[in-house]
Amino acid sequence: MVEAYCVKCKKKVEIKNPEVVTLKNGKKATKGVCPNCGTKVFRIGG
Protein backbone atom coordinates (compact mmCIF):
# COMPACT_ATOMS: atom_id res chain seq x y z
CA MET A 1 0.00 0.00 0.00
CA VAL A 2 1.61 3.23 -1.18
CA GLU A 3 0.12 6.61 -0.32
CA ALA A 4 0.56 9.98 -1.99
CA TYR A 5 -0.97 13.42 -1.49
CA CYS A 6 -3.77 14.32 -3.91
CA VAL A 7 -3.88 18.05 -4.62
CA LYS A 8 -7.53 18.02 -5.72
CA CYS A 9 -8.82 15.98 -2.75
CA LYS A 10 -6.40 17.74 -0.34
CA LYS A 11 -5.61 14.51 1.51
CA LYS A 12 -3.40 11.44 1.41
CA VAL A 13 -4.81 8.66 -0.75
CA GLU A 14 -3.74 5.15 -1.67
CA ILE A 15 -2.24 5.12 -5.17
CA LYS A 16 -4.31 3.25 -7.74
CA ASN A 17 -2.25 1.42 -10.41
CA PRO A 18 1.13 2.25 -8.81
CA GLU A 19 4.12 2.23 -11.15
CA VAL A 20 7.74 2.50 -9.97
CA VAL A 21 9.81 4.91 -12.06
CA THR A 22 13.41 6.14 -11.89
CA LEU A 23 14.10 9.87 -11.89
CA LYS A 24 16.94 11.53 -13.79
CA ASN A 25 19.09 11.62 -10.66
CA GLY A 26 18.66 7.86 -10.12
CA LYS A 27 16.16 7.99 -7.24
CA LYS A 28 13.06 5.83 -7.25
CA ALA A 29 9.55 7.30 -7.34
CA THR A 30 6.00 5.99 -7.59
CA LYS A 31 3.33 7.41 -9.85
CA GLY A 32 -0.30 6.50 -10.29
CA VAL A 33 -3.86 7.76 -10.09
CA CYS A 34 -6.07 8.99 -7.24
CA PRO A 35 -8.90 6.46 -6.73
CA ASN A 36 -11.40 9.23 -5.81
CA CYS A 37 -11.00 11.87 -8.53
CA GLY A 38 -8.70 10.30 -11.15
CA THR A 39 -5.97 12.94 -10.84
CA LYS A 40 -2.35 11.86 -11.35
CA VAL A 41 -0.45 11.51 -8.06
CA PHE A 42 3.30 11.19 -7.53
CA ARG A 43 5.50 10.21 -4.62
CA ILE A 44 9.28 10.38 -4.50
CA GLY A 45 10.90 7.42 -2.74
CA GLY A 46 9.49 4.24 -4.20
C-alpha atoms as a PDB file:
ATOM      1  CA  MET A   1       0.000   0.000   0.000  1.00  0.00           C
ATOM      2  CA  VAL A   2       1.610   3.230  -1.181  1.00  0.00           C
ATOM      3  CA  GLU A   3       0.124   6.610  -0.319  1.00  0.00           C
ATOM      4  CA  ALA A   4       0.562   9.976  -1.985  1.00  0.00           C
ATOM      5  CA  TYR A   5      -0.969  13.417  -1.495  1.00  0.00           C
ATOM      6  CA  CYS A   6      -3.769  14.319  -3.911  1.00  0.00           C
ATOM      7  CA  VAL A   7      -3.885  18.051  -4.617  1.00  0.00           C
ATOM      8  CA  LYS A   8      -7.530  18.016  -5.716  1.00  0.00           C
ATOM      9  CA  CYS A   9      -8.816  15.979  -2.746  1.00  0.00           C
ATOM     10  CA  LYS A  10      -6.398  17.741  -0.341  1.00  0.00           C
ATOM     11  CA  LYS A  11      -5.607  14.511   1.512  1.00  0.00           C
ATOM     12  CA  LYS A  12      -3.397  11.441   1.405  1.00  0.00           C
ATOM     13  CA  VAL A  13      -4.805   8.660  -0.754  1.00  0.00           C
ATOM     14  CA  GLU A  14      -3.741   5.149  -1.674  1.00  0.00           C
ATOM     15  CA  ILE A  15      -2.237   5.125  -5.172  1.00  0.00           C
ATOM     16  CA  LYS A  16      -4.315   3.247  -7.744  1.00  0.00           C
ATOM     17  CA  ASN A  17      -2.250   1.417 -10.414  1.00  0.00           C
ATOM     18  CA  PRO A  18       1.128   2.249  -8.811  1.00  0.00           C
ATOM     19  CA  GLU A  19       4.124   2.232 -11.152  1.00  0.00           C
ATOM     20  CA  VAL A  20       7.739   2.500  -9.971  1.00  0.00           C
ATOM     21  CA  VAL A  21       9.814   4.912 -12.063  1.00  0.00           C
ATOM     22  CA  THR A  22      13.411   6.139 -11.886  1.00  0.00           C
ATOM     23  CA  LEU A  23      14.097   9.865 -11.892  1.00  0.00           C
ATOM     24  CA  LYS A  24      16.936  11.532 -13.789  1.00  0.00           C
ATOM     25  CA  ASN A  25      19.088  11.623 -10.656  1.00  0.00           C
ATOM     26  CA  GLY A  26      18.665   7.863 -10.119  1.00  0.00           C
ATOM     27  CA  LYS A  27      16.163   7.992  -7.240  1.00  0.00           C
ATOM     28  CA  LYS A  28      13.057   5.828  -7.249  1.00  0.00           C
ATOM     29  CA  ALA A  29       9.548   7.296  -7.335  1.00  0.00           C
ATOM     30  CA  THR A  30       6.001   5.991  -7.588  1.00  0.00           C
ATOM     31  CA  LYS A  31       3.327   7.415  -9.850  1.00  0.00           C
ATOM     32  CA  GLY A  32      -0.298   6.497 -10.288  1.00  0.00           C
ATOM     33  CA  VAL A  33      -3.860   7.760 -10.086  1.00  0.00           C
ATOM     34  CA  CYS A  34      -6.071   8.988  -7.241  1.00  0.00           C
ATOM     35  CA  PRO A  35      -8.904   6.463  -6.729  1.00  0.00           C
ATOM     36  CA  ASN A  36     -11.395   9.230  -5.811  1.00  0.00           C
ATOM     37  CA  CYS A  37     -11.004  11.865  -8.528  1.00  0.00           C
ATOM     38  CA  GLY A  38      -8.699  10.300 -11.147  1.00  0.00           C
ATOM     39  CA  THR A  39      -5.967  12.945 -10.837  1.00  0.00           C
ATOM     40  CA  LYS A  40      -2.353  11.856 -11.346  1.00  0.00           C
ATOM     41  CA  VAL A  41      -0.450  11.507  -8.064  1.00  0.00           C
ATOM     42  CA  PHE A  42       3.297  11.193  -7.533  1.00  0.00           C
ATOM     43  CA  ARG A  43       5.498  10.212  -4.620  1.00  0.00           C
ATOM     44  CA  ILE A  44       9.285  10.383  -4.505  1.00  0.00           C
ATOM     45  CA  GLY A  45      10.905   7.425  -2.742  1.00  0.00           C
ATOM     46  CA  GLY A  46       9.485   4.236  -4.198  1.00  0.00           C
END
